[in-house]
Amino acid sequence: ENFYYVYYVSDYFDSSARTFAIIRSFSAVPAHGAFGAIMGHFFMKYCFTKKQGNLFLCILIPFLLHGFYNFLAEDYFIVSFLLVVISWIIVLRMFSRLKKSQKTKKTEYEKKV
């Protein structure tokens, strides 16, 4: 995906491939990391705590965020960068809440095999 944007879409923006690659390194790489972390969070909830709806959310939320990012990245780079920042704030809040709940949990949810 990044090769496509760097080599083909950079011509559309009258930008060099190197400049476009640097810009994408500060937006696309963190975006994919955040979307993967959100996917992992919902998959973890599906596997270890609640089955209801979390597998669907595991696919749906990163899919929508990635779609919005791709749509906004072409014309509204600042807005797409803001989406990346908001995604990382959500990731950090989700995992801090998870860390807090792990400290206070009384029983293990995992089944012993």
PDB file of N, CA and C in Angstrom:
ATOM      1  N   GLU A   1       0.825  -1.190   0.000  1.00  0.00           N
ATOM      2  CA  GLU A   1       0.000   0.000   0.000  1.00  0.00           C
ATOM      3  C   GLU A   1       0.870   1.255   0.000  1.00  0.00           C
ATOM      4  N   ASN A   2       1.890   1.264   0.842  1.00  0.00           N
ATOM      5  CA  ASN A   2       2.766   2.441   0.886  1.00  0.00           C
ATOM      6  C   ASN A   2       3.540   2.621  -0.412  1.00  0.00           C
ATOM      7  N   PHE A   3       3.951   1.510  -1.039  1.00  0.00           N
ATOM      8  CA  PHE A   3       4.641   1.631  -2.336  1.00  0.00           C
ATOM      9  C   PHE A   3       3.732   2.299  -3.364  1.00  0.00           C
ATOM     10  N   TYR A   4       2.473   1.908  -3.369  1.00  0.00           N
ATOM     11  CA  TYR A   4       1.523   2.503  -4.298  1.00  0.00           C
ATOM     12  C   TYR A   4       1.419   4.012  -4.078  1.00  0.00           C
ATOM     13  N   TYR A   5       1.226   4.397  -2.824  1.00  0.00           N
ATOM     14  CA  TYR A   5       1.078   5.823  -2.530  1.00  0.00           C
ATOM     15  C   TYR A   5       2.359   6.598  -2.824  1.00  0.00           C
ATOM     16  N   VAL A   6       3.485   6.043  -2.459  1.00  0.00           N
ATOM     17  CA  VAL A   6       4.742   6.771  -2.626  1.00  0.00           C
ATOM     18  C   VAL A   6       5.106   6.928  -4.099  1.00  0.00           C
ATOM     19  N   TYR A   7       4.959   5.878  -4.879  1.00  0.00           N
ATOM     20  CA  TYR A   7       5.429   5.947  -6.262  1.00  0.00           C
ATOM     21  C   TYR A   7       4.391   6.439  -7.266  1.00  0.00           C
ATOM     22  N   TYR A   8       3.119   6.211  -6.991  1.00  0.00           N
ATOM     23  CA  TYR A   8       2.105   6.604  -7.966  1.00  0.00           C
ATOM     24  C   TYR A   8       1.318   7.834  -7.542  1.00  0.00           C
ATOM     25  N   VAL A   9       0.932   7.900  -6.292  1.00  0.00           N
ATOM     26  CA  VAL A   9       0.116   9.024  -5.841  1.00  0.00           C
ATOM     27  C   VAL A   9       0.963  10.273  -5.636  1.00  0.00           C
ATOM     28  N   SER A  10       2.254  10.126  -5.382  1.00  0.00           N
ATOM     29  CA  SER A  10       3.107  11.311  -5.208  1.00  0.00           C
ATOM     30  C   SER A  10       3.124  12.167  -6.472  1.00  0.00           C
ATOM     31  N   ASP A  11       3.018  11.563  -7.643  1.00  0.00           N
ATOM     32  CA  ASP A  11       2.945  12.328  -8.893  1.00  0.00           C
ATOM     33  C   ASP A  11       1.664  13.152  -8.966  1.00  0.00           C
ATOM     34  N   TYR A  12       0.597  12.624  -8.420  1.00  0.00           N
ATOM     35  CA  TYR A  12      -0.685  13.328  -8.401  1.00  0.00           C
ATOM     36  C   TYR A  12      -0.586  14.610  -7.582  1.00  0.00           C
ATOM     37  N   PHE A  13       0.198  14.581  -6.514  1.00  0.00           N
ATOM     38  CA  PHE A  13       0.344  15.746  -5.640  1.00  0.00           C
ATOM     39  C   PHE A  13       1.521  16.634  -6.041  1.00  0.00           C
ATOM     40  N   ASP A  14       2.155  16.366  -7.174  1.00  0.00           N
ATOM     41  CA  ASP A  14       3.334  17.122  -7.608  1.00  0.00           C
ATOM     42  C   ASP A  14       4.395  17.159  -6.514  1.00  0.00           C
ATOM     43  N   SER A  15       4.659  16.005  -5.961  1.00  0.00           N
ATOM     44  CA  SER A  15       5.628  15.874  -4.871  1.00  0.00           C
ATOM     45  C   SER A  15       6.625  14.786  -5.253  1.00  0.00           C
ATOM     46  N   SER A  16       7.816  14.873  -4.703  1.00  0.00           N
ATOM     47  CA  SER A  16       8.790  13.812  -4.967  1.00  0.00           C
ATOM     48  C   SER A  16       8.431  12.583  -4.144  1.00  0.00           C
ATOM     49  N   ALA A  17       8.856  11.443  -4.606  1.00  0.00           N
ATOM     50  CA  ALA A  17       8.569  10.194  -3.898  1.00  0.00           C
ATOM     51  C   ALA A  17       9.208  10.198  -2.517  1.00  0.00           C
ATOM     52  N   ARG A  18      10.387  10.779  -2.399  1.00  0.00           N
ATOM     53  CA  ARG A  18      11.071  10.828  -1.103  1.00  0.00           C
ATOM     54  C   ARG A  18      10.291  11.674  -0.100  1.00  0.00           C
ATOM     55  N   THR A  19       9.834  12.839  -0.520  1.00  0.00           N
ATOM     56  CA  THR A  19       9.060  13.705   0.370  1.00  0.00           C
ATOM     57  C   THR A  19       7.773  13.022   0.796  1.00  0.00           C
ATOM     58  N   PHE A  20       7.108  12.399  -0.158  1.00  0.00           N
ATOM     59  CA  PHE A  20       5.854  11.720   0.149  1.00  0.00           C
ATOM     60  C   PHE A  20       6.085  10.534   1.075  1.00  0.00           C
ATOM     61  N   ALA A  21       7.201   9.829   0.913  1.00  0.00           N
ATOM     62  CA  ALA A  21       7.525   8.701   1.797  1.00  0.00           C
ATOM     63  C   ALA A  21       7.774   9.181   3.218  1.00  0.00           C
ATOM     64  N   ILE A  22       8.440  10.309   3.370  1.00  0.00           N
ATOM     65  CA  ILE A  22       8.689  10.848   4.712  1.00  0.00           C
ATOM     66  C   ILE A  22       7.376  11.253   5.370  1.00  0.00           C
ATOM     67  N   ILE A  23       6.511  11.907   4.605  1.00  0.00           N
ATOM     68  CA  ILE A  23       5.210  12.305   5.152  1.00  0.00           C
ATOM     69  C   ILE A  23       4.413  11.063   5.559  1.00  0.00           C
ATOM     70  N   ARG A  24       4.399  10.046   4.712  1.00  0.00           N
ATOM     71  CA  ARG A  24       3.654   8.822   5.028  1.00  0.00           C
ATOM     72  C   ARG A  24       4.256   8.068   6.209  1.00  0.00           C
ATOM     73  N   SER A  25       5.559   8.214   6.420  1.00  0.00           N
ATOM     74  CA  SER A  25       6.167   7.521   7.564  1.00  0.00           C
ATOM     75  C   SER A  25       5.676   8.085   8.887  1.00  0.00           C
ATOM     76  N   PHE A  26       5.238   9.326   8.889  1.00  0.00           N
ATOM     77  CA  PHE A  26       4.715   9.919  10.120  1.00  0.00           C
ATOM     78  C   PHE A  26       3.205   9.794  10.240  1.00  0.00           C
ATOM     79  N   SER A  27       2.549   9.279   9.203  1.00  0.00           N
ATOM     80  CA  SER A  27       1.102   9.115   9.309  1.00  0.00           C
ATOM     81  C   SER A  27       0.657   7.675   9.070  1.00  0.00           C
ATOM     82  N   ALA A  28       1.096   7.066   7.980  1.00  0.00           N
ATOM     83  CA  ALA A  28       0.596   5.733   7.634  1.00  0.00           C
ATOM     84  C   ALA A  28       1.118   4.646   8.562  1.00  0.00           C
ATOM     85  N   VAL A  29       2.378   4.712   8.906  1.00  0.00           N
ATOM     86  CA  VAL A  29       2.948   3.668   9.774  1.00  0.00           C
ATOM     87  C   VAL A  29       2.315   3.708  11.160  1.00  0.00           C
ATOM     88  N   PRO A  30       2.218   4.885  11.826  1.00  0.00           N
ATOM     89  CA  PRO A  30       1.520   4.908  13.116  1.00  0.00           C
ATOM     90  C   PRO A  30       0.036   4.560  13.000  1.00  0.00           C
ATOM     91  N   ALA A  31      -0.578   4.919  11.866  1.00  0.00           N
ATOM     92  CA  ALA A  31      -1.999   4.589  11.684  1.00  0.00           C
ATOM     93  C   ALA A  31      -2.194   3.083  11.650  1.00  0.00           C
ATOM     94  N   HIS A  32      -1.373   2.378  10.883  1.00  0.00           N
ATOM     95  CA  HIS A  32      -1.504   0.923  10.820  1.00  0.00           C
ATOM     96  C   HIS A  32      -1.219   0.287  12.181  1.00  0.00           C
ATOM     97  N   GLY A  33      -0.284   0.852  12.927  1.00  0.00           N
ATOM     98  CA  GLY A  33      -0.021   0.350  14.278  1.00  0.00           C
ATOM     99  C   GLY A  33      -1.222   0.523  15.187  1.00  0.00           C
ATOM    100  N   ALA A  34      -1.849   1.694  15.129  1.00  0.00           N
ATOM    101  CA  ALA A  34      -3.024   1.953  15.969  1.00  0.00           C
ATOM    102  C   ALA A  34      -4.191   1.062  15.566  1.00  0.00           C
ATOM    103  N   PHE A  35      -4.416   0.914  14.270  1.00  0.00           N
ATOM    104  CA  PHE A  35      -5.527   0.083  13.820  1.00  0.00           C
ATOM    105  C   PHE A  35      -5.301  -1.378  14.213  1.00  0.00           C
ATOM    106  N   GLY A  36      -4.060  -1.837  14.141  1.00  0.00           N
ATOM    107  CA  GLY A  36      -3.744  -3.201  14.560  1.00  0.00           C
ATOM    108  C   GLY A  36      -3.916  -3.392  16.055  1.00  0.00           C
ATOM    109  N   ALA A  37      -3.573  -2.371  16.838  1.00  0.00           N
ATOM    110  CA  ALA A  37      -3.745  -2.462  18.294  1.00  0.00           C
ATOM    111  C   ALA A  37      -5.222  -2.496  18.661  1.00  0.00           C
ATOM    112  N   ILE A  38      -6.037  -1.721  17.959  1.00  0.00           N
ATOM    113  CA  ILE A  38      -7.482  -1.749  18.209  1.00  0.00           C
ATOM    114  C   ILE A  38      -8.049  -3.115  17.842  1.00  0.00           C
ATOM    115  N   MET A  39      -7.596  -3.659  16.722  1.00  0.00           N
ATOM    116  CA  MET A  39      -8.033  -4.997  16.326  1.00  0.00           C
ATOM    117  C   MET A  39      -7.618  -6.025  17.385  1.00  0.00           C
ATOM    118  N   GLY A  40      -6.390  -5.929  17.859  1.00  0.00           N
ATOM    119  CA  GLY A  40      -5.909  -6.851  18.879  1.00  0.00           C
ATOM    120  C   GLY A  40      -6.672  -6.749  20.180  1.00  0.00           C
ATOM    121  N   HIS A  41      -7.067  -5.538  20.539  1.00  0.00           N
ATOM    122  CA  HIS A  41      -7.837  -5.350  21.774  1.00  0.00           C
ATOM    123  C   HIS A  41      -9.175  -6.082  21.699  1.00  0.00           C
ATOM    124  N   PHE A  42      -9.899  -5.907  20.607  1.00  0.00           N
ATOM    125  CA  PHE A  42     -11.195  -6.569  20.485  1.00  0.00           C
ATOM    126  C   PHE A  42     -11.045  -8.074  20.315  1.00  0.00           C
ATOM    127  N   PHE A  43      -9.974  -8.519  19.657  1.00  0.00           N
ATOM    128  CA  PHE A  43      -9.757  -9.954  19.531  1.00  0.00           C
ATOM    129  C   PHE A  43      -9.409 -10.559  20.893  1.00  0.00           C
ATOM    130  N   MET A  44      -8.653  -9.847  21.698  1.00  0.00           N
ATOM    131  CA  MET A  44      -8.343 -10.309  23.050  1.00  0.00           C
ATOM    132  C   MET A  44      -9.618 -10.422  23.874  1.00  0.00           C
ATOM    133  N   LYS A  45     -10.500  -9.425  23.759  1.00  0.00           N
ATOM    134  CA  LYS A  45     -11.762  -9.495  24.496  1.00  0.00           C
ATOM    135  C   LYS A  45     -12.601 -10.676  24.018  1.00  0.00           C
ATOM    136  N   TYR A  46     -12.583 -10.926  22.710  1.00  0.00           N
ATOM    137  CA  TYR A  46     -13.319 -12.068  22.164  1.00  0.00           C
ATOM    138  C   TYR A  46     -12.760 -13.376  22.715  1.00  0.00           C
ATOM    139  N   CYS A  47     -11.454 -13.508  22.758  1.00  0.00           N
ATOM    140  CA  CYS A  47     -10.839 -14.767  23.188  1.00  0.00           C
ATOM    141  C   CYS A  47     -10.956 -15.017  24.683  1.00  0.00           C
ATOM    142  N   PHE A  48     -10.818 -13.976  25.484  1.00  0.00           N
ATOM    143  CA  PHE A  48     -10.650 -14.203  26.919  1.00  0.00           C
ATOM    144  C   PHE A  48     -11.803 -13.750  27.804  1.00  0.00           C
ATOM    145  N   THR A  49     -12.654 -12.845  27.372  1.00  0.00           N
ATOM    146  CA  THR A  49     -13.698 -12.385  28.287  1.00  0.00           C
ATOM    147  C   THR A  49     -15.098 -12.564  27.704  1.00  0.00           C
ATOM    148  N   LYS A  50     -15.467 -11.775  26.711  1.00  0.00           N
ATOM    149  CA  LYS A  50     -16.827 -11.811  26.177  1.00  0.00           C
ATOM    150  C   LYS A  50     -16.796 -12.162  24.697  1.00  0.00           C
ATOM    151  N   LYS A  51     -17.603 -13.119  24.319  1.00  0.00           N
ATOM    152  CA  LYS A  51     -17.667 -13.516  22.912  1.00  0.00           C
ATOM    153  C   LYS A  51     -18.612 -12.607  22.112  1.00  0.00           C
ATOM    154  N   GLN A  52     -19.637 -12.033  22.763  1.00  0.00           N
ATOM    155  CA  GLN A  52     -20.699 -11.317  22.066  1.00  0.00           C
ATOM    156  C   GLN A  52     -20.179 -10.087  21.330  1.00  0.00           C
ATOM    157  N   GLY A  53     -20.182 -10.158  20.025  1.00  0.00           N
ATOM    158  CA  GLY A  53     -19.925  -8.998  19.192  1.00  0.00           C
ATOM    159  C   GLY A  53     -18.480  -8.564  19.048  1.00  0.00           C
ATOM    160  N   ASN A  54     -17.581  -9.061  19.861  1.00  0.00           N
ATOM    161  CA  ASN A  54     -16.209  -8.572  19.816  1.00  0.00           C
ATOM    162  C   ASN A  54     -15.447  -9.032  18.575  1.00  0.00           C
ATOM    163  N   LEU A  55     -15.776 -10.194  18.047  1.00  0.00           N
ATOM    164  CA  LEU A  55     -15.112 -10.634  16.820  1.00  0.00           C
ATOM    165  C   LEU A  55     -15.533  -9.751  15.645  1.00  0.00           C
ATOM    166  N   PHE A  56     -16.793  -9.380  15.616  1.00  0.00           N
ATOM    167  CA  PHE A  56     -17.284  -8.474  14.580  1.00  0.00           C
ATOM    168  C   PHE A  56     -16.623  -7.099  14.716  1.00  0.00           C
ATOM    169  N   LEU A  57     -16.527  -6.591  15.947  1.00  0.00           N
ATOM    170  CA  LEU A  57     -15.878  -5.292  16.172  1.00  0.00           C
ATOM    171  C   LEU A  57     -14.391  -5.356  15.856  1.00  0.00           C
ATOM    172  N   CYS A  58     -13.799  -6.524  16.031  1.00  0.00           N
ATOM    173  CA  CYS A  58     -12.381  -6.721  15.726  1.00  0.00           C
ATOM    174  C   CYS A  58     -12.084  -6.424  14.264  1.00  0.00           C
ATOM    175  N   ILE A  59     -13.010  -6.706  13.399  1.00  0.00           N
ATOM    176  CA  ILE A  59     -12.840  -6.432  11.972  1.00  0.00           C
ATOM    177  C   ILE A  59     -13.425  -5.078  11.589  1.00  0.00           C
ATOM    178  N   LEU A  60     -14.598  -4.758  12.108  1.00  0.00           N
ATOM    179  CA  LEU A  60     -15.335  -3.571  11.676  1.00  0.00           C
ATOM    180  C   LEU A  60     -14.627  -2.259  12.015  1.00  0.00           C
ATOM    181  N   ILE A  61     -14.207  -2.087  13.245  1.00  0.00           N
ATOM    182  CA  ILE A  61     -13.644  -0.797  13.656  1.00  0.00           C
ATOM    183  C   ILE A  61     -12.336  -0.487  12.933  1.00  0.00           C
ATOM    184  N   PRO A  62     -11.355  -1.393  12.882  1.00  0.00           N
ATOM    185  CA  PRO A  62     -10.150  -1.078  12.097  1.00  0.00           C
ATOM    186  C   PRO A  62     -10.439  -0.884  10.605  1.00  0.00           C
ATOM    187  N   PHE A  63     -11.400  -1.640  10.072  1.00  0.00           N
ATOM    188  CA  PHE A  63     -11.781  -1.494   8.671  1.00  0.00           C
ATOM    189  C   PHE A  63     -12.309  -0.086   8.392  1.00  0.00           C
ATOM    190  N   LEU A  64     -13.195   0.397   9.261  1.00  0.00           N
ATOM    191  CA  LEU A  64     -13.748   1.735   9.079  1.00  0.00           C
ATOM    192  C   LEU A  64     -12.690   2.814   9.279  1.00  0.00           C
ATOM    193  N   LEU A  65     -11.871   2.666  10.313  1.00  0.00           N
ATOM    194  CA  LEU A  65     -10.821   3.656  10.548  1.00  0.00           C
ATOM    195  C   LEU A  65      -9.834   3.709   9.389  1.00  0.00           C
ATOM    196  N   HIS A  66      -9.464   2.549   8.869  1.00  0.00           N
ATOM    197  CA  HIS A  66      -8.529   2.500   7.744  1.00  0.00           C
ATOM    198  C   HIS A  66      -9.164   3.112   6.498  1.00  0.00           C
ATOM    199  N   GLY A  67     -10.439   2.849   6.285  1.00  0.00           N
ATOM    200  CA  GLY A  67     -11.139   3.434   5.148  1.00  0.00           C
ATOM    201  C   GLY A  67     -11.219   4.948   5.246  1.00  0.00           C
ATOM    202  N   PHE A  68     -11.544   5.458   6.439  1.00  0.00           N
ATOM    203  CA  PHE A  68     -11.572   6.912   6.639  1.00  0.00           C
ATOM    204  C   PHE A  68     -10.187   7.508   6.433  1.00  0.00           C
ATOM    205  N   TYR A  69      -9.182   6.822   6.946  1.00  0.00           N
ATOM    206  CA  TYR A  69      -7.816   7.331   6.787  1.00  0.00           C
ATOM    207  C   TYR A  69      -7.439   7.418   5.309  1.00  0.00           C
ATOM    208  N   ASN A  70      -7.692   6.355   4.550  1.00  0.00           N
ATOM    209  CA  ASN A  70      -7.358   6.364   3.121  1.00  0.00           C
ATOM    210  C   ASN A  70      -8.142   7.429   2.363  1.00  0.00           C
ATOM    211  N   PHE A  71      -9.407   7.591   2.709  1.00  0.00           N
ATOM    212  CA  PHE A  71     -10.234   8.593   2.048  1.00  0.00           C
ATOM    213  C   PHE A  71      -9.715  10.007   2.340  1.00  0.00           C
ATOM    214  N   LEU A  72      -9.354  10.252   3.598  1.00  0.00           N
ATOM    215  CA  LEU A  72      -8.908  11.588   3.989  1.00  0.00           C
ATOM    216  C   LEU A  72      -7.466  11.870   3.588  1.00  0.00           C
ATOM    217  N   ALA A  73      -6.651  10.840   3.476  1.00  0.00           N
ATOM    218  CA  ALA A  73      -5.224  11.040   3.208  1.00  0.00           C
ATOM    219  C   ALA A  73      -4.974  11.636   1.833  1.00  0.00           C
ATOM    220  N   GLU A  74      -5.871  11.383   0.899  1.00  0.00           N
ATOM    221  CA  GLU A  74      -5.642  11.881  -0.450  1.00  0.00           C
ATOM    222  C   GLU A  74      -5.788  13.394  -0.554  1.00  0.00           C
ATOM    223  N   ASP A  75      -6.789  13.965   0.112  1.00  0.00           N
ATOM    224  CA  ASP A  75      -7.049  15.391  -0.041  1.00  0.00           C
ATOM    225  C   ASP A  75      -6.881  16.195   1.242  1.00  0.00           C
ATOM    226  N   TYR A  76      -7.078  15.564   2.378  1.00  0.00           N
ATOM    227  CA  TYR A  76      -7.064  16.277   3.662  1.00  0.00           C
ATOM    228  C   TYR A  76      -6.042  15.646   4.594  1.00  0.00           C
ATOM    229  N   PHE A  77      -4.770  15.896   4.331  1.00  0.00           N
ATOM    230  CA  PHE A  77      -3.718  15.234   5.102  1.00  0.00           C
ATOM    231  C   PHE A  77      -3.783  15.595   6.573  1.00  0.00           C
ATOM    232  N   ILE A  78      -4.055  16.850   6.902  1.00  0.00           N
ATOM    233  CA  ILE A  78      -4.099  17.278   8.308  1.00  0.00           C
ATOM    234  C   ILE A  78      -5.209  16.538   9.049  1.00  0.00           C
ATOM    235  N   VAL A  79      -6.358  16.376   8.417  1.00  0.00           N
ATOM    236  CA  VAL A  79      -7.469  15.660   9.052  1.00  0.00           C
ATOM    237  C   VAL A  79      -7.119  14.186   9.228  1.00  0.00           C
ATOM    238  N   SER A  80      -6.450  13.597   8.241  1.00  0.00           N
ATOM    239  CA  SER A  80      -6.058  12.194   8.381  1.00  0.00           C
ATOM    240  C   SER A  80      -5.010  12.031   9.475  1.00  0.00           C
ATOM    241  N   PHE A  81      -4.111  13.005   9.601  1.00  0.00           N
ATOM    242  CA  PHE A  81      -3.127  12.956  10.683  1.00  0.00           C
ATOM    243  C   PHE A  81      -3.818  13.089  12.038  1.00  0.00           C
ATOM    244  N   LEU A  82      -4.847  13.929  12.104  1.00  0.00           N
ATOM    245  CA  LEU A  82      -5.630  14.066  13.329  1.00  0.00           C
ATOM    246  C   LEU A  82      -6.337  12.754  13.670  1.00  0.00           C
ATOM    247  N   LEU A  83      -6.817  12.044  12.650  1.00  0.00           N
ATOM    248  CA  LEU A  83      -7.429  10.739  12.873  1.00  0.00           C
ATOM    249  C   LEU A  83      -6.427   9.756  13.474  1.00  0.00           C
ATOM    250  N   VAL A  84      -5.190   9.812  13.025  1.00  0.00           N
ATOM    251  CA  VAL A  84      -4.141   8.949  13.578  1.00  0.00           C
ATOM    252  C   VAL A  84      -3.903   9.290  15.047  1.00  0.00           C
ATOM    253  N   VAL A  85      -3.819  10.558  15.362  1.00  0.00           N
ATOM    254  CA  VAL A  85      -3.593  10.983  16.752  1.00  0.00           C
ATOM    255  C   VAL A  85      -4.753  10.542  17.639  1.00  0.00           C
ATOM    256  N   ILE A  86      -5.974  10.733  17.164  1.00  0.00           N
ATOM    257  CA  ILE A  86      -7.150  10.311  17.932  1.00  0.00           C
ATOM    258  C   ILE A  86      -7.155   8.792  18.107  1.00  0.00           C
ATOM    259  N   SER A  87      -6.771   8.055  17.073  1.00  0.00           N
ATOM    260  CA  SER A  87      -6.711   6.590  17.181  1.00  0.00           C
ATOM    261  C   SER A  87      -5.712   6.162  18.250  1.00  0.00           C
ATOM    262  N   TRP A  88      -4.565   6.823  18.298  1.00  0.00           N
ATOM    263  CA  TRP A  88      -3.581   6.484  19.321  1.00  0.00           C
ATOM    264  C   TRP A  88      -4.053   6.860  20.716  1.00  0.00           C
ATOM    265  N   ILE A  89      -4.788   7.941  20.852  1.00  0.00           N
ATOM    266  CA  ILE A  89      -5.362   8.295  22.159  1.00  0.00           C
ATOM    267  C   ILE A  89      -6.350   7.222  22.595  1.00  0.00           C
ATOM    268  N   ILE A  90      -7.174   6.756  21.664  1.00  0.00           N
ATOM    269  CA  ILE A  90      -8.124   5.680  21.973  1.00  0.00           C
ATOM    270  C   ILE A  90      -7.384   4.413  22.383  1.00  0.00           C
ATOM    271  N   VAL A  91      -6.326   4.067  21.657  1.00  0.00           N
ATOM    272  CA  VAL A  91      -5.541   2.873  21.990  1.00  0.00           C
ATOM    273  C   VAL A  91      -4.953   2.987  23.390  1.00  0.00           C
ATOM    274  N   LEU A  92      -4.362   4.110  23.702  1.00  0.00           N
ATOM    275  CA  LEU A  92      -3.755   4.282  25.025  1.00  0.00           C
ATOM    276  C   LEU A  92      -4.795   4.234  26.133  1.00  0.00           C
ATOM    277  N   ARG A  93      -5.962   4.804  25.900  1.00  0.00           N
ATOM    278  CA  ARG A  93      -7.028   4.746  26.912  1.00  0.00           C
ATOM    279  C   ARG A  93      -7.556   3.324  27.080  1.00  0.00           C
ATOM    280  N   MET A  94      -7.724   2.592  25.961  1.00  0.00           N
ATOM    281  CA  MET A  94      -8.214   1.216  26.054  1.00  0.00           C
ATOM    282  C   MET A  94      -7.250   0.350  26.854  1.00  0.00           C
ATOM    283  N   PHE A  95      -5.969   0.478  26.564  1.00  0.00           N
ATOM    284  CA  PHE A  95      -5.008  -0.379  27.248  1.00  0.00           C
ATOM    285  C   PHE A  95      -4.736   0.064  28.678  1.00  0.00           C
ATOM    286  N   SER A  96      -4.890   1.339  28.992  1.00  0.00           N
ATOM    287  CA  SER A  96      -4.756   1.743  30.393  1.00  0.00           C
ATOM    288  C   SER A  96      -5.941   1.235  31.198  1.00  0.00           C
ATOM    289  N   ARG A  97      -7.137   1.251  30.589  1.00  0.00           N
ATOM    290  CA  ARG A  97      -8.308   0.681  31.249  1.00  0.00           C
ATOM    291  C   ARG A  97      -8.150  -0.822  31.444  1.00  0.00           C
ATOM    292  N   LEU A  98      -7.579  -1.486  30.455  1.00  0.00           N
ATOM    293  CA  LEU A  98      -7.331  -2.924  30.553  1.00  0.00           C
ATOM    294  C   LEU A  98      -6.323  -3.226  31.662  1.00  0.00           C
ATOM    295  N   LYS A  99      -5.293  -2.419  31.741  1.00  0.00           N
ATOM    296  CA  LYS A  99      -4.276  -2.616  32.776  1.00  0.00           C
ATOM    297  C   LYS A  99      -4.871  -2.432  34.170  1.00  0.00           C
ATOM    298  N   LYS A 100      -5.735  -1.421  34.318  1.00  0.00           N
ATOM    299  CA  LYS A 100      -6.402  -1.185  35.599  1.00  0.00           C
ATOM    300  C   LYS A 100      -7.303  -2.355  35.970  1.00  0.00           C
ATOM    301  N   SER A 101      -8.053  -2.865  34.995  1.00  0.00           N
ATOM    302  CA  SER A 101      -8.963  -3.967  35.292  1.00  0.00           C
ATOM    303  C   SER A 101      -8.208  -5.251  35.609  1.00  0.00           C
ATOM    304  N   GLN A 102      -7.038  -5.436  35.029  1.00  0.00           N
ATOM    305  CA  GLN A 102      -6.243  -6.623  35.344  1.00  0.00           C
ATOM    306  C   GLN A 102      -5.695  -6.564  36.762  1.00  0.00           C
ATOM    307  N   LYS A 103      -5.397  -5.366  37.247  1.00  0.00           N
ATOM    308  CA  LYS A 103      -4.906  -5.246  38.619  1.00  0.00           C
ATOM    309  C   LYS A 103      -5.994  -5.543  39.630  1.00  0.00           C
ATOM    310  N   THR A 104      -7.245  -5.228  39.282  1.00  0.00           N
ATOM    311  CA  THR A 104      -8.333  -5.392  40.247  1.00  0.00           C
ATOM    312  C   THR A 104      -9.161  -6.645  40.043  1.00  0.00           C
ATOM    313  N   LYS A 105      -8.865  -7.460  39.030  1.00  0.00           N
ATOM    314  CA  LYS A 105      -9.703  -8.633  38.799  1.00  0.00           C
ATOM    315  C   LYS A 105      -9.464  -9.682  39.872  1.00  0.00           C
ATOM    316  N   LYS A 106     -10.519 -10.368  40.213  1.00  0.00           N
ATOM    317  CA  LYS A 106     -10.462 -11.330  41.304  1.00  0.00           C
ATOM    318  C   LYS A 106     -10.301 -12.765  40.810  1.00  0.00           C
ATOM    319  N   THR A 107     -10.802 -13.075  39.610  1.00  0.00           N
ATOM    320  CA  THR A 107     -10.702 -14.432  39.080  1.00  0.00           C
ATOM    321  C   THR A 107     -10.144 -14.400  37.669  1.00  0.00           C
ATOM    322  N   GLU A 108      -9.604 -15.516  37.276  1.00  0.00           N
ATOM    323  CA  GLU A 108      -9.103 -15.662  35.916  1.00  0.00           C
ATOM    324  C   GLU A 108     -10.262 -16.097  35.024  1.00  0.00           C
ATOM    325  N   TYR A 109     -10.332 -15.546  33.835  1.00  0.00           N
ATOM    326  CA  TYR A 109     -11.380 -15.917  32.884  1.00  0.00           C
ATOM    327  C   TYR A 109     -10.954 -17.043  31.969  1.00  0.00           C
ATOM    328  N   GLU A 110      -9.654 -17.240  31.819  1.00  0.00           N
ATOM    329  CA  GLU A 110      -9.182 -18.242  30.892  1.00  0.00           C
ATOM    330  C   GLU A 110      -9.526 -19.638  31.390  1.00  0.00           C
ATOM    331  N   LYS A 111      -9.897 -20.501  30.462  1.00  0.00           N
ATOM    332  CA  LYS A 111     -10.222 -21.871  30.835  1.00  0.00           C
ATOM    333  C   LYS A 111      -8.923 -22.671  30.869  1.00  0.00           C
ATOM    334  N   LYS A 112      -8.830 -23.524  31.847  1.00  0.00           N
ATOM    335  CA  LYS A 112      -7.672 -24.411  31.953  1.00  0.00           C
ATOM    336  C   LYS A 112      -7.958 -25.653  31.108  1.00  0.00           C
ATOM    337  N   VAL A 113      -6.998 -26.018  30.295  1.00  0.00           N
ATOM    338  CA  VAL A 113      -7.198 -27.181  29.413  1.00  0.00           C
ATOM    339  C   VAL A 113      -6.500 -28.390  29.989  1.00  0.00           C
TER     340      VAL A 113
END
